[in-house]
Every structure is written in structure tokens, then in C-alpha cells.
PDB file of N, CA and C in Angstrom:
ATOM      1  N   MET A   1     117.923 117.925 107.182  1.00  0.00           N
ATOM      2  CA  MET A   1     117.363 118.698 106.095  1.00  0.00           C
ATOM      3  C   MET A   1     116.385 117.822 105.321  1.00  0.00           C
ATOM      4  N   ALA A   2     115.253 118.394 104.958  1.00  0.00           N
ATOM      5  CA  ALA A   2     114.237 117.650 104.210  1.00  0.00           C
ATOM      6  C   ALA A   2     114.488 117.796 102.710  1.00  0.00           C
ATOM      7  N   ALA A   3     114.130 116.771 102.006  1.00  0.00           N
ATOM      8  CA  ALA A   3     114.304 116.785 100.551  1.00  0.00           C
ATOM      9  C   ALA A   3     113.340 117.787  99.909  1.00  0.00           C
ATOM     10  N   THR A   4     113.823 118.473  98.902  1.00  0.00           N
ATOM     11  CA  THR A   4     112.995 119.338  98.078  1.00  0.00           C
ATOM     12  C   THR A   4     112.538 118.507  96.893  1.00  0.00           C
ATOM     13  N   THR A   5     111.237 118.484  96.639  1.00  0.00           N
ATOM     14  CA  THR A   5     110.721 117.657  95.553  1.00  0.00           C
ATOM     15  C   THR A   5     110.164 118.525  94.418  1.00  0.00           C
ATOM     16  N   THR A   6     110.245 117.963  93.217  1.00  0.00           N
ATOM     17  CA  THR A   6     109.711 118.614  92.023  1.00  0.00           C
ATOM     18  C   THR A   6     108.905 117.581  91.242  1.00  0.00           C
ATOM     19  N   LEU A   7     107.736 117.987  90.786  1.00  0.00           N
ATOM     20  CA  LEU A   7     106.878 117.109  90.004  1.00  0.00           C
ATOM     21  C   LEU A   7     106.828 117.637  88.569  1.00  0.00           C
ATOM     22  N   THR A   8     107.225 116.778  87.622  1.00  0.00           N
ATOM     23  CA  THR A   8     107.216 117.151  86.206  1.00  0.00           C
ATOM     24  C   THR A   8     106.191 116.286  85.489  1.00  0.00           C
ATOM     25  N   ILE A   9     105.218 116.924  84.877  1.00  0.00           N
ATOM     26  CA  ILE A   9     104.149 116.205  84.179  1.00  0.00           C
ATOM     27  C   ILE A   9     104.659 115.729  82.818  1.00  0.00           C
ATOM     28  N   ARG A  10     104.461 114.433  82.525  1.00  0.00           N
ATOM     29  CA  ARG A  10     104.873 113.849  81.238  1.00  0.00           C
ATOM     30  C   ARG A  10     103.714 113.716  80.270  1.00  0.00           C
ATOM     31  N   ASP A  11     102.583 113.213  80.761  1.00  0.00           N
ATOM     32  CA  ASP A  11     101.446 112.984  79.873  1.00  0.00           C
ATOM     33  C   ASP A  11     100.153 112.918  80.662  1.00  0.00           C
ATOM     34  N   LEU A  12      99.053 113.084  79.921  1.00  0.00           N
ATOM     35  CA  LEU A  12      97.715 113.029  80.505  1.00  0.00           C
ATOM     36  C   LEU A  12      96.891 111.995  79.753  1.00  0.00           C
ATOM     37  N   GLU A  13      96.240 111.122  80.498  1.00  0.00           N
ATOM     38  CA  GLU A  13      95.306 110.179  79.886  1.00  0.00           C
ATOM     39  C   GLU A  13      93.907 110.731  80.121  1.00  0.00           C
ATOM     40  N   VAL A  14      93.121 110.813  79.060  1.00  0.00           N
ATOM     41  CA  VAL A  14      91.772 111.354  79.189  1.00  0.00           C
ATOM     42  C   VAL A  14      90.732 110.313  78.823  1.00  0.00           C
ATOM     43  N   GLN A  15      89.576 110.472  79.427  1.00  0.00           N
ATOM     44  CA  GLN A  15      88.404 109.712  79.000  1.00  0.00           C
ATOM     45  C   GLN A  15      87.567 110.710  78.208  1.00  0.00           C
ATOM     46  N   TYR A  16      87.227 110.344  76.983  1.00  0.00           N
ATOM     47  CA  TYR A  16      86.585 111.288  76.084  1.00  0.00           C
ATOM     48  C   TYR A  16      85.205 111.720  76.549  1.00  0.00           C
ATOM     49  N   SER A  17      84.505 110.854  77.286  1.00  0.00           N
ATOM     50  CA  SER A  17      83.187 111.207  77.794  1.00  0.00           C
ATOM     51  C   SER A  17      82.999 110.512  79.146  1.00  0.00           C
ATOM     52  N   LEU A  18      82.653 111.307  80.154  1.00  0.00           N
ATOM     53  CA  LEU A  18      82.458 110.761  81.503  1.00  0.00           C
ATOM     54  C   LEU A  18      81.440 111.633  82.222  1.00  0.00           C
ATOM     55  N   ASP A  19      80.295 111.037  82.572  1.00  0.00           N
ATOM     56  CA  ASP A  19      79.248 111.760  83.308  1.00  0.00           C
ATOM     57  C   ASP A  19      78.895 113.088  82.647  1.00  0.00           C
ATOM     58  N   SER A  20      78.682 113.067  81.374  1.00  0.00           N
ATOM     59  CA  SER A  20      78.318 114.224  80.547  1.00  0.00           C
ATOM     60  C   SER A  20      79.422 115.273  80.416  1.00  0.00           C
ATOM     61  N   LEU A  21      80.629 114.944  80.823  1.00  0.00           N
ATOM     62  CA  LEU A  21      81.783 115.827  80.656  1.00  0.00           C
ATOM     63  C   LEU A  21      82.657 115.251  79.550  1.00  0.00           C
ATOM     64  N   THR A  22      83.416 116.093  78.863  1.00  0.00           N
ATOM     65  CA  THR A  22      84.284 115.611  77.796  1.00  0.00           C
ATOM     66  C   THR A  22      85.744 115.848  78.138  1.00  0.00           C
ATOM     67  N   ASP A  23      86.594 114.950  77.625  1.00  0.00           N
ATOM     68  CA  ASP A  23      88.049 115.028  77.809  1.00  0.00           C
ATOM     69  C   ASP A  23      88.440 115.189  79.277  1.00  0.00           C
ATOM     70  N   VAL A  24      88.016 114.225  80.070  1.00  0.00           N
ATOM     71  CA  VAL A  24      88.264 114.234  81.511  1.00  0.00           C
ATOM     72  C   VAL A  24      89.597 113.539  81.794  1.00  0.00           C
ATOM     73  N   VAL A  25      90.491 114.205  82.503  1.00  0.00           N
ATOM     74  CA  VAL A  25      91.782 113.615  82.872  1.00  0.00           C
ATOM     75  C   VAL A  25      91.526 112.531  83.919  1.00  0.00           C
ATOM     76  N   VAL A  26      91.963 111.311  83.603  1.00  0.00           N
ATOM     77  CA  VAL A  26      91.773 110.191  84.522  1.00  0.00           C
ATOM     78  C   VAL A  26      93.096 109.661  85.073  1.00  0.00           C
ATOM     79  N   SER A  27      94.212 110.012  84.407  1.00  0.00           N
ATOM     80  CA  SER A  27      95.520 109.545  84.848  1.00  0.00           C
ATOM     81  C   SER A  27      96.584 110.529  84.378  1.00  0.00           C
ATOM     82  N   VAL A  28      97.582 110.716  85.248  1.00  0.00           N
ATOM     83  CA  VAL A  28      98.684 111.630  84.938  1.00  0.00           C
ATOM     84  C   VAL A  28      99.991 110.852  85.052  1.00  0.00           C
ATOM     85  N   GLY A  29     100.798 110.904  84.003  1.00  0.00           N
ATOM     86  CA  GLY A  29     102.143 110.339  84.042  1.00  0.00           C
ATOM     87  C   GLY A  29     103.089 111.462  84.446  1.00  0.00           C
ATOM     88  N   ALA A  30     103.927 111.197  85.441  1.00  0.00           N
ATOM     89  CA  ALA A  30     104.806 112.258  85.938  1.00  0.00           C
ATOM     90  C   ALA A  30     106.112 111.677  86.457  1.00  0.00           C
ATOM     91  N   VAL A  31     107.097 112.567  86.590  1.00  0.00           N
ATOM     92  CA  VAL A  31     108.375 112.225  87.208  1.00  0.00           C
ATOM     93  C   VAL A  31     108.489 113.050  88.472  1.00  0.00           C
ATOM     94  N   LEU A  32     108.756 112.369  89.577  1.00  0.00           N
ATOM     95  CA  LEU A  32     108.967 113.023  90.859  1.00  0.00           C
ATOM     96  C   LEU A  32     110.461 113.001  91.138  1.00  0.00           C
ATOM     97  N   SER A  33     111.047 114.190  91.317  1.00  0.00           N
ATOM     98  CA  SER A  33     112.478 114.320  91.587  1.00  0.00           C
ATOM     99  C   SER A  33     112.668 114.909  92.974  1.00  0.00           C
ATOM    100  N   GLY A  34     113.771 114.529  93.606  1.00  0.00           N
ATOM    101  CA  GLY A  34     114.069 115.073  94.930  1.00  0.00           C
ATOM    102  C   GLY A  34     115.537 115.378  95.086  1.00  0.00           C
ATOM    103  N   ASN A  35     115.833 116.345  95.957  1.00  0.00           N
ATOM    104  CA  ASN A  35     117.208 116.751  96.232  1.00  0.00           C
ATOM    105  C   ASN A  35     117.306 117.082  97.712  1.00  0.00           C
ATOM    106  N   ASP A  36     118.265 116.477  98.365  1.00  0.00           N
ATOM    107  CA  ASP A  36     118.529 116.769  99.774  1.00  0.00           C
ATOM    108  C   ASP A  36     120.028 116.985  99.925  1.00  0.00           C
ATOM    109  N   GLY A  37     120.437 118.236  99.962  1.00  0.00           N
ATOM    110  CA  GLY A  37     121.849 118.566 100.134  1.00  0.00           C
ATOM    111  C   GLY A  37     122.740 118.034  99.039  1.00  0.00           C
ATOM    112  N   GLY A  38     122.240 117.947  97.820  1.00  0.00           N
ATOM    113  CA  GLY A  38     123.037 117.460  96.700  1.00  0.00           C
ATOM    114  C   GLY A  38     122.846 115.986  96.398  1.00  0.00           C
ATOM    115  N   THR A  39     122.177 115.259  97.280  1.00  0.00           N
ATOM    116  CA  THR A  39     121.856 113.857  97.019  1.00  0.00           C
ATOM    117  C   THR A  39     120.496 113.838  96.328  1.00  0.00           C
ATOM    118  N   THR A  40     120.448 113.237  95.137  1.00  0.00           N
ATOM    119  CA  THR A  40     119.232 113.289  94.331  1.00  0.00           C
ATOM    120  C   THR A  40     118.695 111.896  94.009  1.00  0.00           C
ATOM    121  N   ALA A  41     117.413 111.885  93.651  1.00  0.00           N
ATOM    122  CA  ALA A  41     116.761 110.664  93.171  1.00  0.00           C
ATOM    123  C   ALA A  41     115.550 111.106  92.363  1.00  0.00           C
ATOM    124  N   GLN A  42     115.089 110.196  91.513  1.00  0.00           N
ATOM    125  CA  GLN A  42     113.856 110.469  90.776  1.00  0.00           C
ATOM    126  C   GLN A  42     113.147 109.170  90.476  1.00  0.00           C
ATOM    127  N   MET A  43     111.848 109.285  90.257  1.00  0.00           N
ATOM    128  CA  MET A  43     111.039 108.115  89.939  1.00  0.00           C
ATOM    129  C   MET A  43     109.857 108.551  89.083  1.00  0.00           C
ATOM    130  N   GLY A  44     109.506 107.708  88.140  1.00  0.00           N
ATOM    131  CA  GLY A  44     108.335 107.953  87.309  1.00  0.00           C
ATOM    132  C   GLY A  44     107.149 107.202  87.877  1.00  0.00           C
ATOM    133  N   SER A  45     105.974 107.751  87.679  1.00  0.00           N
ATOM    134  CA  SER A  45     104.785 107.094  88.196  1.00  0.00           C
ATOM    135  C   SER A  45     103.554 107.553  87.430  1.00  0.00           C
ATOM    136  N   LYS A  46     102.516 106.743  87.486  1.00  0.00           N
ATOM    137  CA  LYS A  46     101.192 107.105  86.981  1.00  0.00           C
ATOM    138  C   LYS A  46     100.318 107.375  88.204  1.00  0.00           C
ATOM    139  N   PHE A  47      99.561 108.440  88.133  1.00  0.00           N
ATOM    140  CA  PHE A  47      98.677 108.825  89.228  1.00  0.00           C
ATOM    141  C   PHE A  47      97.236 108.820  88.709  1.00  0.00           C
ATOM    142  N   ARG A  48      96.402 107.944  89.283  1.00  0.00           N
ATOM    143  CA  ARG A  48      94.982 107.892  88.916  1.00  0.00           C
ATOM    144  C   ARG A  48      94.294 109.079  89.577  1.00  0.00           C
ATOM    145  N   ILE A  49      93.512 109.808  88.815  1.00  0.00           N
ATOM    146  CA  ILE A  49      92.844 111.009  89.289  1.00  0.00           C
ATOM    147  C   ILE A  49      91.375 110.699  89.570  1.00  0.00           C
ATOM    148  N   ALA A  50      90.862 111.233  90.686  1.00  0.00           N
ATOM    149  CA  ALA A  50      89.464 111.024  91.048  1.00  0.00           C
ATOM    150  C   ALA A  50      88.553 111.726  90.035  1.00  0.00           C
ATOM    151  N   ALA A  51      87.358 111.207  89.895  1.00  0.00           N
ATOM    152  CA  ALA A  51      86.379 111.823  88.998  1.00  0.00           C
ATOM    153  C   ALA A  51      86.106 113.254  89.462  1.00  0.00           C
ATOM    154  N   PRO A  52      85.997 114.180  88.527  1.00  0.00           N
ATOM    155  CA  PRO A  52      85.813 115.579  88.906  1.00  0.00           C
ATOM    156  C   PRO A  52      84.395 115.894  89.373  1.00  0.00           C
ATOM    157  N   ASP A  53      84.295 116.947  90.149  1.00  0.00           N
ATOM    158  CA  ASP A  53      82.996 117.502  90.520  1.00  0.00           C
ATOM    159  C   ASP A  53      82.523 118.345  89.332  1.00  0.00           C
ATOM    160  N   PRO A  54      81.399 118.004  88.725  1.00  0.00           N
ATOM    161  CA  PRO A  54      80.951 118.737  87.540  1.00  0.00           C
ATOM    162  C   PRO A  54      80.815 120.255  87.770  1.00  0.00           C
ATOM    163  N   SER A  55      80.518 120.662  88.990  1.00  0.00           N
ATOM    164  CA  SER A  55      80.331 122.098  89.250  1.00  0.00           C
ATOM    165  C   SER A  55      81.646 122.879  89.225  1.00  0.00           C
ATOM    166  N   SER A  56      82.779 122.171  89.385  1.00  0.00           N
ATOM    167  CA  SER A  56      84.068 122.868  89.366  1.00  0.00           C
ATOM    168  C   SER A  56      84.995 122.335  88.269  1.00  0.00           C
ATOM    169  N   PHE A  57      84.403 121.649  87.301  1.00  0.00           N
ATOM    170  CA  PHE A  57      85.178 121.037  86.220  1.00  0.00           C
ATOM    171  C   PHE A  57      85.850 122.105  85.361  1.00  0.00           C
ATOM    172  N   VAL A  58      87.132 121.896  85.085  1.00  0.00           N
ATOM    173  CA  VAL A  58      87.893 122.769  84.194  1.00  0.00           C
ATOM    174  C   VAL A  58      88.055 122.019  82.871  1.00  0.00           C
ATOM    175  N   THR A  59      87.666 122.649  81.779  1.00  0.00           N
ATOM    176  CA  THR A  59      87.773 121.975  80.481  1.00  0.00           C
ATOM    177  C   THR A  59      89.241 121.692  80.158  1.00  0.00           C
ATOM    178  N   PHE A  60      89.451 120.668  79.364  1.00  0.00           N
ATOM    179  CA  PHE A  60      90.807 120.241  79.024  1.00  0.00           C
ATOM    180  C   PHE A  60      91.627 121.399  78.445  1.00  0.00           C
ATOM    181  N   ALA A  61      91.047 122.154  77.548  1.00  0.00           N
ATOM    182  CA  ALA A  61      91.771 123.259  76.893  1.00  0.00           C
ATOM    183  C   ALA A  61      92.174 124.358  77.878  1.00  0.00           C
ATOM    184  N   ASP A  62      91.477 124.442  79.000  1.00  0.00           N
ATOM    185  CA  ASP A  62      91.764 125.496  79.982  1.00  0.00           C
ATOM    186  C   ASP A  62      92.642 125.028  81.147  1.00  0.00           C
ATOM    187  N   LEU A  63      93.017 123.749  81.151  1.00  0.00           N
ATOM    188  CA  LEU A  63      93.874 123.241  82.224  1.00  0.00           C
ATOM    189  C   LEU A  63      95.242 123.904  82.193  1.00  0.00           C
ATOM    190  N   THR A  64      95.790 124.155  83.376  1.00  0.00           N
ATOM    191  CA  THR A  64      97.156 124.655  83.490  1.00  0.00           C
ATOM    192  C   THR A  64      98.016 123.574  84.131  1.00  0.00           C
ATOM    193  N   GLU A  65      99.310 123.727  84.014  1.00  0.00           N
ATOM    194  CA  GLU A  65     100.211 122.781  84.667  1.00  0.00           C
ATOM    195  C   GLU A  65      99.950 122.763  86.172  1.00  0.00           C
ATOM    196  N   SER A  66      99.695 123.917  86.732  1.00  0.00           N
ATOM    197  CA  SER A  66      99.405 124.021  88.156  1.00  0.00           C
ATOM    198  C   SER A  66      98.149 123.232  88.542  1.00  0.00           C
ATOM    199  N   ASP A  67      97.105 123.295  87.699  1.00  0.00           N
ATOM    200  CA  ASP A  67      95.891 122.508  87.952  1.00  0.00           C
ATOM    201  C   ASP A  67      96.222 121.027  88.032  1.00  0.00           C
ATOM    202  N   VAL A  68      96.989 120.547  87.059  1.00  0.00           N
ATOM    203  CA  VAL A  68      97.299 119.113  86.979  1.00  0.00           C
ATOM    204  C   VAL A  68      98.188 118.700  88.155  1.00  0.00           C
ATOM    205  N   ILE A  69      99.149 119.535  88.520  1.00  0.00           N
ATOM    206  CA  ILE A  69      99.988 119.233  89.684  1.00  0.00           C
ATOM    207  C   ILE A  69      99.119 119.127  90.930  1.00  0.00           C
ATOM    208  N   ASN A  70      98.140 120.001  91.077  1.00  0.00           N
ATOM    209  CA  ASN A  70      97.235 119.924  92.225  1.00  0.00           C
ATOM    210  C   ASN A  70      96.397 118.653  92.194  1.00  0.00           C
ATOM    211  N   PHE A  71      95.971 118.212  90.985  1.00  0.00           N
ATOM    212  CA  PHE A  71      95.257 116.934  90.872  1.00  0.00           C
ATOM    213  C   PHE A  71      96.117 115.817  91.450  1.00  0.00           C
ATOM    214  N   VAL A  72      97.386 115.775  91.030  1.00  0.00           N
ATOM    215  CA  VAL A  72      98.305 114.719  91.449  1.00  0.00           C
ATOM    216  C   VAL A  72      98.543 114.784  92.951  1.00  0.00           C
ATOM    217  N   LYS A  73      98.792 115.970  93.467  1.00  0.00           N
ATOM    218  CA  LYS A  73      99.093 116.118  94.896  1.00  0.00           C
ATOM    219  C   LYS A  73      97.917 115.737  95.786  1.00  0.00           C
ATOM    220  N   SER A  74      96.716 115.714  95.239  1.00  0.00           N
ATOM    221  CA  SER A  74      95.550 115.334  96.041  1.00  0.00           C
ATOM    222  C   SER A  74      95.333 113.824  96.088  1.00  0.00           C
ATOM    223  N   THR A  75      96.167 113.049  95.390  1.00  0.00           N
ATOM    224  CA  THR A  75      96.015 111.590  95.396  1.00  0.00           C
ATOM    225  C   THR A  75      96.804 110.963  96.542  1.00  0.00           C
ATOM    226  N   ASP A  76      96.351 109.800  97.001  1.00  0.00           N
ATOM    227  CA  ASP A  76      97.098 109.043  98.014  1.00  0.00           C
ATOM    228  C   ASP A  76      98.429 108.567  97.441  1.00  0.00           C
ATOM    229  N   ARG A  77      98.445 108.248  96.173  1.00  0.00           N
ATOM    230  CA  ARG A  77      99.663 107.748  95.508  1.00  0.00           C
ATOM    231  C   ARG A  77     100.790 108.775  95.591  1.00  0.00           C
ATOM    232  N   TYR A  78     100.458 110.061  95.520  1.00  0.00           N
ATOM    233  CA  TYR A  78     101.488 111.101  95.585  1.00  0.00           C
ATOM    234  C   TYR A  78     102.205 111.058  96.937  1.00  0.00           C
ATOM    235  N   SER A  79     101.462 110.970  98.016  1.00  0.00           N
ATOM    236  CA  SER A  79     102.077 110.901  99.351  1.00  0.00           C
ATOM    237  C   SER A  79     102.991 109.689  99.471  1.00  0.00           C
ATOM    238  N   ASP A  80     102.532 108.555  98.953  1.00  0.00           N
ATOM    239  CA  ASP A  80     103.350 107.341  98.969  1.00  0.00           C
ATOM    240  C   ASP A  80     104.622 107.529  98.141  1.00  0.00           C
ATOM    241  N   ALA A  81     104.495 108.161  96.976  1.00  0.00           N
ATOM    242  CA  ALA A  81     105.651 108.370  96.098  1.00  0.00           C
ATOM    243  C   ALA A  81     106.679 109.279  96.763  1.00  0.00           C
ATOM    244  N   VAL A  82     106.226 110.325  97.437  1.00  0.00           N
ATOM    245  CA  VAL A  82     107.152 111.225  98.137  1.00  0.00           C
ATOM    246  C   VAL A  82     107.898 110.461  99.232  1.00  0.00           C
ATOM    247  N   GLN A  83     107.197 109.602  99.960  1.00  0.00           N
ATOM    248  CA  GLN A  83     107.846 108.794 101.003  1.00  0.00           C
ATOM    249  C   GLN A  83     108.879 107.849 100.394  1.00  0.00           C
ATOM    250  N   GLN A  84     108.544 107.215  99.276  1.00  0.00           N
ATOM    251  CA  GLN A  84     109.488 106.306  98.619  1.00  0.00           C
ATOM    252  C   GLN A  84     110.712 107.064  98.119  1.00  0.00           C
ATOM    253  N   LEU A  85     110.490 108.222  97.539  1.00  0.00           N
ATOM    254  CA  LEU A  85     111.595 109.029  97.025  1.00  0.00           C
ATOM    255  C   LEU A  85     112.507 109.489  98.167  1.00  0.00           C
ATOM    256  N   THR A  86     111.911 109.929  99.247  1.00  0.00           N
ATOM    257  CA  THR A  86     112.689 110.360 100.412  1.00  0.00           C
ATOM    258  C   THR A  86     113.520 109.206 100.963  1.00  0.00           C
ATOM    259  N   ALA A  87     112.928 108.011 100.993  1.00  0.00           N
ATOM    260  CA  ALA A  87     113.664 106.831 101.462  1.00  0.00           C
ATOM    261  C   ALA A  87     114.845 106.524 100.545  1.00  0.00           C
ATOM    262  N   GLN A  88     114.653 106.667  99.220  1.00  0.00           N
ATOM    263  CA  GLN A  88     115.759 106.442  98.269  1.00  0.00           C
ATOM    264  C   GLN A  88     116.889 107.432  98.521  1.00  0.00           C
ATOM    265  N   ILE A  89     116.542 108.686  98.733  1.00  0.00           N
ATOM    266  CA  ILE A  89     117.559 109.709  98.989  1.00  0.00           C
ATOM    267  C   ILE A  89     118.292 109.416 100.288  1.00  0.00           C
ATOM    268  N   ASP A  90     117.554 109.067 101.339  1.00  0.00           N
ATOM    269  CA  ASP A  90     118.184 108.742 102.622  1.00  0.00           C
ATOM    270  C   ASP A  90     119.139 107.559 102.492  1.00  0.00           C
ATOM    271  N   GLU A  91     118.730 106.549 101.705  1.00  0.00           N
ATOM    272  CA  GLU A  91     119.582 105.382 101.491  1.00  0.00           C
ATOM    273  C   GLU A  91     120.858 105.775 100.755  1.00  0.00           C
ATOM    274  N   LYS A  92     120.726 106.620  99.744  1.00  0.00           N
ATOM    275  CA  LYS A  92     121.906 107.074  99.001  1.00  0.00           C
ATOM    276  C   LYS A  92     122.858 107.865  99.892  1.00  0.00           C
ATOM    277  N   LYS A  93     122.311 108.610 100.834  1.00  0.00           N
ATOM    278  CA  LYS A  93     123.147 109.430 101.715  1.00  0.00           C
ATOM    279  C   LYS A  93     123.954 108.561 102.679  1.00  0.00           C
ATOM    280  N   GLN A  94     123.491 107.328 102.895  1.00  0.00           N
ATOM    281  CA  GLN A  94     124.157 106.432 103.837  1.00  0.00           C
ATOM    282  C   GLN A  94     125.305 105.652 103.207  1.00  0.00           C
ATOM    283  N   SER A  95     125.379 105.672 101.899  1.00  0.00           N
ATOM    284  CA  SER A  95     126.436 104.908 101.233  1.00  0.00           C
ATOM    285  C   SER A  95     126.904 105.685 100.000  1.00  0.00           C
ATOM    286  N   GLY A  96     128.040 105.305  99.507  1.00  0.00           N
ATOM    287  CA  GLY A  96     128.551 105.966  98.324  1.00  0.00           C
ATOM    288  C   GLY A  96     129.844 105.319  97.882  1.00  0.00           C
ATOM    289  N   ILE A  97     130.383 105.786  96.789  1.00  0.00           N
ATOM    290  CA  ILE A  97     131.646 105.279  96.270  1.00  0.00           C
ATOM    291  C   ILE A  97     132.731 106.283  96.589  1.00  0.00           C
ATOM    292  N   LYS A  98     133.816 105.779  97.164  1.00  0.00           N
ATOM    293  CA  LYS A  98     134.944 106.629  97.502  1.00  0.00           C
ATOM    294  C   LYS A  98     136.159 106.157  96.719  1.00  0.00           C
ATOM    295  N   PRO A  99     137.109 107.046  96.499  1.00  0.00           N
ATOM    296  CA  PRO A  99     138.331 106.607  95.827  1.00  0.00           C
ATOM    297  C   PRO A  99     139.094 105.621  96.706  1.00  0.00           C
ATOM    298  N   LEU A 100     139.866 104.780  96.065  1.00  0.00           N
ATOM    299  CA  LEU A 100     140.664 103.805  96.813  1.00  0.00           C
ATOM    300  C   LEU A 100     141.652 104.557  97.688  1.00  0.00           C
ATOM    301  N   PRO A 101     141.817 104.159  98.945  1.00  0.00           N
ATOM    302  CA  PRO A 101     142.648 104.922  99.866  1.00  0.00           C
ATOM    303  C   PRO A 101     144.130 104.952  99.451  1.00  0.00           C
ATOM    304  N   TRP A 102     144.587 103.935  98.760  1.00  0.00           N
ATOM    305  CA  TRP A 102     146.018 103.914  98.377  1.00  0.00           C
ATOM    306  C   TRP A 102     146.262 104.714  97.093  1.00  0.00           C
ATOM    307  N   GLU A 103     145.171 105.178  96.437  1.00  0.00           N
ATOM    308  CA  GLU A 103     145.333 105.976  95.228  1.00  0.00           C
ATOM    309  C   GLU A 103     145.091 107.467  95.495  1.00  0.00           C
ATOM    310  N   ALA A 104     144.856 107.827  96.727  1.00  0.00           N
ATOM    311  CA  ALA A 104     144.548 109.231  97.061  1.00  0.00           C
ATOM    312  C   ALA A 104     145.807 110.081  97.092  1.00  0.00           C
TER     313      ALA A 104
END
């Protein structure tokens, strides 16, 4: 079974002026969480966002959570973070704490 992941946006870093655009998101702080059959893990990360195409630029006030999640998912860092999170979950699934056998 593959892990189900969730991305929760914590904060946005903006550059006030960039290539004649204002309030451009340049970095997103987020928490990536995963669950695979009840085994969970999470990690926080900053994701650097590529400079926007001026022809498709969305103003800061009009951004939606979905827009920002798509920004993050288009970064190389996101793919790496998902792999790291999946590895953490797999490692947790291989070990655990059990009650002492003589106390059962």
C-alpha cells in the first residue's frame, strides 16, 4: 500500500517587487504528512518557488490554497520530500515497541 500524503501550508514568503510584479511568492513553508495503513510521519520544509510567468501571474490577494499547493508540487524539492517521508514511514513499519512478553 502506498502512503497517502497531505500538504499543509504554514506561511508564504513574498518579494515585494520582482520583474514589475508585486507581492510575488518566492518560498512556501509547509508540513508534509503521510499515512500508510495507520503508520504516520510528518516533516516541515521550505519550498523555493520558481519565478512566475508574468502572463499567467495570479495576484497575491487572489491566490488560493490550491494555487499554492500546485506551486509546491511543481518543485523538485517536493518530490524529494515525498520520497523522504515515504522512507520514514517504511522504516517505522519495520520496527516498533511491543509489550514485554512476560507482562502480556
